[in-house]
Amino acid sequence: MTEDDLDYYTAAFQKGGFRGPLNRYRAQGLDWERLPQLSRLQVHQPSCFIAGTLDPVRTFIPGADLYAAPGANCTDFRGSTLIEGKGHWIQQEAPGDVNRALLSFLTTLG
């Protein structure tokens, strides 16, 4: 991350704080309780999945790899790209790899 990036994020969090982002994570258990119908929905648009192998979201449920079946609810899944050694903020950590994966996905849309 560059100094400019850090300044940008610092300014954004100084303005809005951490409450909103933290509350999103705090409330995620309520999603499954109050919105069970969402787990049955499907994505019908062409889609792909790009993530880092070290993303902690991958292991939120002990003993499960949440990235094992990224296209399970997609009817037109075009593939996944797991970027080795990178974490949750994949577009900041590996912008070149993300751009290559996106460009590869775009070629499938012909």
N, C-alpha and C. Protein backbone atom coordinates (compact mmCIF):
# COMPACT_ATOMS: atom_id res chain seq x y z
N MET A 1 0.85 -1.17 0.00
CA MET A 1 0.00 0.00 0.00
C MET A 1 0.90 1.24 0.00
N THR A 2 0.56 2.17 -0.83
CA THR A 2 1.36 3.40 -0.91
C THR A 2 0.95 4.36 0.21
N GLU A 3 1.76 5.38 0.41
CA GLU A 3 1.42 6.42 1.39
C GLU A 3 0.13 7.12 0.99
N ASP A 4 -0.07 7.35 -0.31
CA ASP A 4 -1.31 7.98 -0.78
C ASP A 4 -2.52 7.11 -0.45
N ASP A 5 -2.37 5.78 -0.63
CA ASP A 5 -3.45 4.87 -0.28
C ASP A 5 -3.78 4.97 1.20
N LEU A 6 -2.73 4.92 2.02
CA LEU A 6 -2.92 4.99 3.47
C LEU A 6 -3.59 6.30 3.87
N ASP A 7 -3.17 7.40 3.27
CA ASP A 7 -3.80 8.70 3.56
C ASP A 7 -5.28 8.69 3.19
N TYR A 8 -5.60 8.10 2.05
CA TYR A 8 -6.99 8.03 1.59
C TYR A 8 -7.85 7.26 2.60
N TYR A 9 -7.39 6.07 2.98
CA TYR A 9 -8.16 5.25 3.92
C TYR A 9 -8.22 5.89 5.30
N THR A 10 -7.15 6.51 5.74
CA THR A 10 -7.14 7.20 7.03
C THR A 10 -8.18 8.31 7.03
N ALA A 11 -8.22 9.10 5.97
CA ALA A 11 -9.21 10.19 5.88
C ALA A 11 -10.63 9.65 5.87
N ALA A 12 -10.86 8.55 5.16
CA ALA A 12 -12.20 7.97 5.08
C ALA A 12 -12.65 7.48 6.46
N PHE A 13 -11.77 6.80 7.17
CA PHE A 13 -12.14 6.29 8.49
C PHE A 13 -12.23 7.40 9.52
N GLN A 14 -11.45 8.47 9.36
CA GLN A 14 -11.58 9.61 10.27
C GLN A 14 -12.94 10.27 10.08
N LYS A 15 -13.42 10.29 8.87
CA LYS A 15 -14.72 10.90 8.57
C LYS A 15 -15.88 10.03 9.05
N GLY A 16 -15.82 8.74 8.71
CA GLY A 16 -16.96 7.88 9.00
C GLY A 16 -16.78 6.92 10.17
N GLY A 17 -15.56 6.74 10.62
CA GLY A 17 -15.30 5.84 11.74
C GLY A 17 -15.34 4.37 11.35
N PHE A 18 -15.19 3.54 12.37
CA PHE A 18 -15.19 2.09 12.17
C PHE A 18 -16.53 1.44 12.53
N ARG A 19 -17.44 2.21 13.12
CA ARG A 19 -18.68 1.63 13.61
C ARG A 19 -19.45 0.88 12.53
N GLY A 20 -19.65 1.49 11.38
CA GLY A 20 -20.40 0.83 10.31
C GLY A 20 -19.75 -0.46 9.84
N PRO A 21 -18.47 -0.41 9.46
CA PRO A 21 -17.82 -1.65 9.03
C PRO A 21 -17.81 -2.73 10.11
N LEU A 22 -17.55 -2.35 11.35
CA LEU A 22 -17.54 -3.34 12.42
C LEU A 22 -18.93 -3.92 12.67
N ASN A 23 -19.95 -3.08 12.63
CA ASN A 23 -21.31 -3.56 12.83
C ASN A 23 -21.73 -4.53 11.74
N ARG A 24 -21.23 -4.33 10.54
CA ARG A 24 -21.53 -5.27 9.45
C ARG A 24 -21.04 -6.67 9.83
N TYR A 25 -19.83 -6.77 10.35
CA TYR A 25 -19.30 -8.07 10.77
C TYR A 25 -20.03 -8.59 12.00
N ARG A 26 -20.35 -7.70 12.93
CA ARG A 26 -21.06 -8.13 14.14
C ARG A 26 -22.43 -8.71 13.83
N ALA A 27 -23.07 -8.21 12.80
CA ALA A 27 -24.44 -8.61 12.48
C ALA A 27 -24.52 -9.79 11.51
N GLN A 28 -23.39 -10.30 11.07
CA GLN A 28 -23.47 -11.33 10.03
C GLN A 28 -24.22 -12.59 10.48
N GLY A 29 -24.18 -12.91 11.76
CA GLY A 29 -24.95 -14.06 12.24
C GLY A 29 -26.45 -13.86 12.10
N LEU A 30 -26.88 -12.61 12.23
CA LEU A 30 -28.31 -12.30 12.08
C LEU A 30 -28.79 -12.54 10.65
N ASP A 31 -27.89 -12.39 9.68
CA ASP A 31 -28.28 -12.61 8.28
C ASP A 31 -28.88 -14.00 8.10
N TRP A 32 -28.21 -15.01 8.65
CA TRP A 32 -28.67 -16.39 8.48
C TRP A 32 -29.97 -16.63 9.22
N GLU A 33 -30.16 -15.96 10.36
CA GLU A 33 -31.39 -16.13 11.13
C GLU A 33 -32.58 -15.43 10.46
N ARG A 34 -32.37 -14.21 10.03
CA ARG A 34 -33.48 -13.38 9.55
C ARG A 34 -33.69 -13.43 8.04
N LEU A 35 -32.70 -13.88 7.31
CA LEU A 35 -32.80 -13.88 5.84
C LEU A 35 -32.41 -15.23 5.24
N PRO A 36 -32.97 -16.34 5.73
CA PRO A 36 -32.54 -17.65 5.22
C PRO A 36 -32.81 -17.83 3.73
N GLN A 37 -33.79 -17.12 3.19
CA GLN A 37 -34.10 -17.24 1.77
C GLN A 37 -32.95 -16.79 0.87
N LEU A 38 -32.06 -15.94 1.40
CA LEU A 38 -30.95 -15.46 0.58
C LEU A 38 -29.99 -16.59 0.21
N SER A 39 -29.90 -17.62 1.05
CA SER A 39 -28.97 -18.72 0.75
C SER A 39 -29.46 -19.58 -0.41
N ARG A 40 -30.70 -19.40 -0.83
CA ARG A 40 -31.24 -20.17 -1.96
C ARG A 40 -31.21 -19.40 -3.27
N LEU A 41 -30.87 -18.12 -3.21
CA LEU A 41 -30.85 -17.31 -4.42
C LEU A 41 -29.68 -17.69 -5.32
N GLN A 42 -29.85 -17.45 -6.61
CA GLN A 42 -28.79 -17.73 -7.56
C GLN A 42 -28.41 -16.46 -8.32
N VAL A 43 -27.16 -16.42 -8.74
CA VAL A 43 -26.66 -15.36 -9.60
C VAL A 43 -26.71 -15.91 -11.02
N HIS A 44 -27.43 -15.21 -11.90
CA HIS A 44 -27.59 -15.69 -13.27
C HIS A 44 -26.66 -14.98 -14.26
N GLN A 45 -26.05 -13.89 -13.86
CA GLN A 45 -25.11 -13.19 -14.72
C GLN A 45 -23.81 -13.98 -14.78
N PRO A 46 -23.05 -13.82 -15.87
CA PRO A 46 -21.72 -14.41 -15.89
C PRO A 46 -20.93 -13.91 -14.68
N SER A 47 -20.23 -14.81 -14.03
CA SER A 47 -19.54 -14.44 -12.80
C SER A 47 -18.22 -15.18 -12.66
N CYS A 48 -17.36 -14.61 -11.81
CA CYS A 48 -16.10 -15.24 -11.46
C CYS A 48 -15.81 -14.90 -10.01
N PHE A 49 -14.79 -15.55 -9.46
CA PHE A 49 -14.41 -15.34 -8.07
C PHE A 49 -12.92 -15.11 -8.01
N ILE A 50 -12.52 -14.03 -7.33
CA ILE A 50 -11.10 -13.69 -7.19
C ILE A 50 -10.85 -13.44 -5.70
N ALA A 51 -9.86 -14.12 -5.14
CA ALA A 51 -9.58 -13.97 -3.72
C ALA A 51 -8.14 -14.34 -3.43
N GLY A 52 -7.71 -14.00 -2.22
CA GLY A 52 -6.38 -14.38 -1.76
C GLY A 52 -6.43 -15.66 -0.95
N THR A 53 -5.41 -16.47 -1.06
CA THR A 53 -5.37 -17.73 -0.32
C THR A 53 -5.30 -17.52 1.19
N LEU A 54 -4.83 -16.36 1.62
CA LEU A 54 -4.70 -16.09 3.05
C LEU A 54 -5.84 -15.25 3.62
N ASP A 55 -6.91 -15.08 2.88
CA ASP A 55 -8.05 -14.30 3.36
C ASP A 55 -8.66 -15.00 4.57
N PRO A 56 -8.75 -14.31 5.71
CA PRO A 56 -9.32 -14.95 6.90
C PRO A 56 -10.79 -15.33 6.74
N VAL A 57 -11.50 -14.69 5.83
CA VAL A 57 -12.90 -15.05 5.59
C VAL A 57 -13.00 -16.51 5.16
N ARG A 58 -11.99 -16.98 4.50
CA ARG A 58 -11.96 -18.36 4.00
C ARG A 58 -12.18 -19.38 5.12
N THR A 59 -11.75 -19.05 6.32
CA THR A 59 -11.84 -20.01 7.43
C THR A 59 -12.71 -19.50 8.58
N PHE A 60 -13.70 -18.66 8.27
CA PHE A 60 -14.60 -18.16 9.32
C PHE A 60 -15.31 -19.31 10.04
N ILE A 61 -15.60 -20.37 9.33
CA ILE A 61 -16.24 -21.55 9.94
C ILE A 61 -15.15 -22.59 10.12
N PRO A 62 -14.79 -22.89 11.36
CA PRO A 62 -13.70 -23.84 11.61
C PRO A 62 -13.95 -25.17 10.89
N GLY A 63 -12.91 -25.66 10.23
CA GLY A 63 -12.99 -26.94 9.53
C GLY A 63 -13.61 -26.87 8.15
N ALA A 64 -14.01 -25.68 7.70
CA ALA A 64 -14.61 -25.54 6.38
C ALA A 64 -13.81 -24.54 5.56
N ASP A 65 -13.68 -24.82 4.28
CA ASP A 65 -13.06 -23.88 3.35
C ASP A 65 -14.19 -23.17 2.61
N LEU A 66 -14.47 -21.94 3.01
CA LEU A 66 -15.59 -21.21 2.42
C LEU A 66 -15.35 -20.84 0.96
N TYR A 67 -14.14 -21.09 0.46
CA TYR A 67 -13.83 -20.82 -0.93
C TYR A 67 -13.83 -22.10 -1.78
N ALA A 68 -14.27 -23.20 -1.20
CA ALA A 68 -14.21 -24.49 -1.89
C ALA A 68 -15.15 -24.56 -3.10
N ALA A 69 -16.29 -23.91 -3.05
CA ALA A 69 -17.27 -23.99 -4.14
C ALA A 69 -17.82 -22.60 -4.45
N PRO A 70 -16.99 -21.70 -4.95
CA PRO A 70 -17.44 -20.32 -5.13
C PRO A 70 -18.56 -20.14 -6.15
N GLY A 71 -18.72 -21.07 -7.06
CA GLY A 71 -19.77 -20.94 -8.06
C GLY A 71 -21.02 -21.72 -7.75
N ALA A 72 -21.16 -22.20 -6.54
CA ALA A 72 -22.28 -23.07 -6.17
C ALA A 72 -23.65 -22.44 -6.45
N ASN A 73 -23.79 -21.16 -6.27
CA ASN A 73 -25.08 -20.49 -6.48
C ASN A 73 -25.09 -19.66 -7.75
N CYS A 74 -24.20 -19.98 -8.68
CA CYS A 74 -24.10 -19.24 -9.93
C CYS A 74 -24.46 -20.16 -11.10
N THR A 75 -25.34 -19.71 -11.97
CA THR A 75 -25.73 -20.53 -13.11
C THR A 75 -24.79 -20.36 -14.30
N ASP A 76 -23.96 -19.32 -14.28
CA ASP A 76 -23.02 -19.08 -15.38
C ASP A 76 -21.65 -18.72 -14.81
N PHE A 77 -21.12 -19.62 -13.98
CA PHE A 77 -19.84 -19.38 -13.31
C PHE A 77 -18.70 -19.67 -14.27
N ARG A 78 -17.77 -18.71 -14.41
CA ARG A 78 -16.69 -18.82 -15.37
C ARG A 78 -15.35 -19.18 -14.73
N GLY A 79 -15.32 -19.43 -13.42
CA GLY A 79 -14.09 -19.87 -12.79
C GLY A 79 -13.63 -18.98 -11.65
N SER A 80 -12.63 -19.50 -10.93
CA SER A 80 -12.10 -18.76 -9.79
C SER A 80 -10.60 -18.61 -9.92
N THR A 81 -10.11 -17.56 -9.28
CA THR A 81 -8.68 -17.30 -9.21
C THR A 81 -8.33 -17.05 -7.75
N LEU A 82 -7.50 -17.91 -7.19
CA LEU A 82 -7.00 -17.72 -5.83
C LEU A 82 -5.56 -17.27 -5.95
N ILE A 83 -5.28 -16.10 -5.40
CA ILE A 83 -3.95 -15.50 -5.52
C ILE A 83 -3.14 -15.87 -4.28
N GLU A 84 -2.10 -16.63 -4.53
CA GLU A 84 -1.27 -17.20 -3.47
C GLU A 84 -0.62 -16.13 -2.59
N GLY A 85 -0.71 -16.34 -1.28
CA GLY A 85 -0.02 -15.48 -0.32
C GLY A 85 -0.65 -14.13 -0.07
N LYS A 86 -1.85 -13.91 -0.57
CA LYS A 86 -2.52 -12.62 -0.39
C LYS A 86 -3.75 -12.81 0.49
N GLY A 87 -4.22 -11.68 1.08
CA GLY A 87 -5.31 -11.75 2.04
C GLY A 87 -6.63 -11.19 1.57
N HIS A 88 -7.31 -10.53 2.48
CA HIS A 88 -8.70 -10.09 2.26
C HIS A 88 -8.83 -8.91 1.30
N TRP A 89 -7.89 -8.00 1.31
CA TRP A 89 -7.99 -6.80 0.49
C TRP A 89 -7.23 -7.04 -0.82
N ILE A 90 -7.67 -8.04 -1.54
CA ILE A 90 -6.94 -8.57 -2.69
C ILE A 90 -6.68 -7.52 -3.77
N GLN A 91 -7.63 -6.63 -4.00
CA GLN A 91 -7.42 -5.64 -5.06
C GLN A 91 -6.33 -4.63 -4.71
N GLN A 92 -6.10 -4.40 -3.40
CA GLN A 92 -5.01 -3.53 -2.98
C GLN A 92 -3.70 -4.31 -2.87
N GLU A 93 -3.78 -5.56 -2.45
CA GLU A 93 -2.58 -6.36 -2.22
C GLU A 93 -1.94 -6.86 -3.52
N ALA A 94 -2.77 -7.13 -4.51
CA ALA A 94 -2.26 -7.70 -5.76
C ALA A 94 -3.01 -7.14 -6.96
N PRO A 95 -2.94 -5.82 -7.19
CA PRO A 95 -3.73 -5.22 -8.26
C PRO A 95 -3.42 -5.80 -9.64
N GLY A 96 -2.17 -6.09 -9.92
CA GLY A 96 -1.82 -6.66 -11.22
C GLY A 96 -2.45 -8.02 -11.43
N ASP A 97 -2.40 -8.88 -10.41
CA ASP A 97 -3.01 -10.20 -10.50
C ASP A 97 -4.53 -10.12 -10.64
N VAL A 98 -5.13 -9.20 -9.90
CA VAL A 98 -6.58 -9.01 -9.99
C VAL A 98 -6.96 -8.54 -11.39
N ASN A 99 -6.22 -7.56 -11.91
CA ASN A 99 -6.52 -7.07 -13.26
C ASN A 99 -6.37 -8.17 -14.30
N ARG A 100 -5.34 -9.01 -14.17
CA ARG A 100 -5.17 -10.12 -15.12
C ARG A 100 -6.34 -11.09 -15.03
N ALA A 101 -6.78 -11.40 -13.80
CA ALA A 101 -7.92 -12.31 -13.63
C ALA A 101 -9.20 -11.70 -14.20
N LEU A 102 -9.40 -10.41 -13.98
CA LEU A 102 -10.59 -9.75 -14.54
C LEU A 102 -10.56 -9.73 -16.07
N LEU A 103 -9.39 -9.43 -16.63
CA LEU A 103 -9.28 -9.42 -18.08
C LEU A 103 -9.52 -10.81 -18.67
N SER A 104 -9.02 -11.82 -17.99
CA SER A 104 -9.26 -13.20 -18.42
C SER A 104 -10.76 -13.53 -18.39
N PHE A 105 -11.43 -13.13 -17.31
CA PHE A 105 -12.87 -13.32 -17.20
C PHE A 105 -13.61 -12.60 -18.32
N LEU A 106 -13.21 -11.38 -18.60
CA LEU A 106 -13.87 -10.60 -19.65
C LEU A 106 -13.76 -11.26 -21.02
N THR A 107 -12.67 -11.97 -21.25
CA THR A 107 -12.54 -12.65 -22.56
C THR A 107 -13.55 -13.77 -22.72
N THR A 108 -14.12 -14.26 -21.63
CA THR A 108 -15.11 -15.34 -21.71
C THR A 108 -16.50 -14.81 -22.08
N LEU A 109 -16.65 -13.50 -22.10
CA LEU A 109 -17.97 -12.92 -22.33
C LEU A 109 -18.34 -12.76 -23.79
N GLY A 110 -17.32 -12.90 -24.66
CA GLY A 110 -17.43 -12.75 -26.11
C GLY A 110 -18.77 -12.72 -26.65
